[in-house]
């Protein structure tokens, strides 16, 4: 499966009082990530009913290239900037089956 395309769905729920901070930090990740080797798309969504809920939908050429991306400094910077501002973070690695 390592050479198969990988889809990532990441759910981030910001604390209400930290929503704008989290949103601004998430927006910083987009352009940096889109130029990374192996990134097919990297799209950020915000829920229409719950403004604190953000969802990243990403496709990568392979899991190995995604893992390389995950070790980059900009993600460490994001984690530091949003420390204590996120209520929930769930990441799913999924593979298209048809």
Protein backbone atom coordinates (compact mmCIF):
# COMPACT_ATOMS: atom_id res chain seq x y z
CA UNK A 1 0.00 0.00 0.00
CA UNK A 2 2.97 2.36 0.41
CA UNK A 3 3.02 3.27 -3.31
CA UNK A 4 -0.72 3.87 -3.40
CA UNK A 5 -2.24 7.33 -3.31
CA UNK A 6 -3.11 8.38 0.25
CA UNK A 7 -6.00 10.60 1.31
CA UNK A 8 -5.85 12.47 4.60
CA UNK A 9 -8.89 13.85 6.38
CA UNK A 10 -8.00 15.89 9.44
CA UNK A 11 -10.70 17.25 11.74
CA UNK A 12 -9.72 20.18 13.95
CA UNK A 13 -12.12 21.67 16.48
CA UNK A 14 -10.95 24.99 17.87
CA UNK A 15 -11.93 26.30 21.26
CA UNK A 16 -14.56 29.00 20.54
CA UNK A 17 -12.46 31.82 21.96
CA UNK A 18 -9.43 30.63 19.91
CA UNK A 19 -11.23 30.04 16.58
CA UNK A 20 -9.63 32.96 14.71
CA UNK A 21 -6.15 32.07 15.97
CA UNK A 22 -6.53 28.45 14.86
CA UNK A 23 -8.02 29.48 11.52
CA UNK A 24 -5.19 31.90 10.77
CA UNK A 25 -2.57 29.28 11.67
CA UNK A 26 -4.31 26.64 9.51
CA UNK A 27 -4.41 29.06 6.58
CA UNK A 28 -0.63 29.50 6.86
CA UNK A 29 -0.16 25.78 6.17
CA UNK A 30 -1.90 25.72 2.79
CA UNK A 31 0.54 27.36 0.39
CA UNK A 32 3.55 25.76 2.09
CA UNK A 33 2.02 22.30 1.82
CA UNK A 34 0.69 22.58 -1.73
CA UNK A 35 4.23 22.89 -3.11
CA UNK A 36 5.57 19.89 -1.20
CA UNK A 37 6.72 16.91 -3.24
CA UNK A 38 3.87 14.43 -3.54
CA UNK A 39 1.04 16.80 -2.62
CA UNK A 40 -1.85 16.46 -5.08
CA UNK A 41 -4.23 18.75 -3.20
CA UNK A 42 -4.49 20.26 0.26
CA UNK A 43 -7.83 21.92 0.94
CA UNK A 44 -9.13 23.54 4.12
CA UNK A 45 -12.84 23.66 4.90
CA UNK A 46 -14.85 25.31 7.68
CA UNK A 47 -18.19 23.86 8.78
CA UNK A 48 -21.25 25.94 7.88
CA UNK A 49 -23.04 25.20 11.17
CA UNK A 50 -20.12 25.01 13.60
CA UNK A 51 -17.55 27.71 12.84
CA UNK A 52 -15.10 26.07 15.27
CA UNK A 53 -14.85 22.95 13.08
CA UNK A 54 -12.19 22.82 10.36
CA UNK A 55 -11.46 19.96 8.00
CA UNK A 56 -8.40 19.37 5.86
CA UNK A 57 -8.89 17.15 2.83
CA UNK A 58 -5.58 16.16 1.26
CA UNK A 59 -4.36 13.74 -1.38
CA UNK A 60 -0.77 12.56 -1.58
CA UNK A 61 1.06 10.48 -4.16
CA UNK A 62 2.15 8.10 -1.37
CA UNK A 63 2.16 7.67 2.40
CA UNK A 64 5.96 8.03 2.43
CA UNK A 65 5.78 11.49 0.83
CA UNK A 66 3.03 12.53 3.26
CA UNK A 67 5.15 11.36 6.21
CA UNK A 68 8.08 13.42 4.93
CA UNK A 69 5.77 16.44 4.87
CA UNK A 70 4.62 15.73 8.44
CA UNK A 71 8.19 16.13 9.71
CA UNK A 72 8.54 19.69 8.40
CA UNK A 73 9.18 22.74 10.58
CA UNK A 74 5.98 24.56 9.56
CA UNK A 75 3.90 21.86 11.27
CA UNK A 76 5.98 22.14 14.44
CA UNK A 77 5.41 25.91 14.31
CA UNK A 78 1.65 25.36 13.89
CA UNK A 79 1.54 23.02 16.90
CA UNK A 80 3.41 25.54 19.04
CA UNK A 81 1.21 28.47 17.93
CA UNK A 82 -2.04 26.60 18.62
CA UNK A 83 -1.01 24.84 21.82
CA UNK A 84 -4.05 24.84 24.12
CA UNK A 85 -6.33 26.34 21.43
CA UNK A 86 -7.67 23.08 19.95
CA UNK A 87 -10.41 21.00 21.61
CA UNK A 88 -10.17 18.03 19.28
CA UNK A 89 -7.87 16.79 16.54
CA UNK A 90 -8.62 13.61 14.59
CA UNK A 91 -6.57 12.50 11.60
CA UNK A 92 -7.66 9.71 9.29
CA UNK A 93 -5.45 8.10 6.66
CA UNK A 94 -7.76 6.64 4.04
CA UNK A 95 -7.41 4.94 0.65
CA UNK A 96 -9.84 5.20 -2.22
CA UNK A 97 -11.20 1.76 -3.01
CA UNK A 98 -13.07 2.55 -6.21
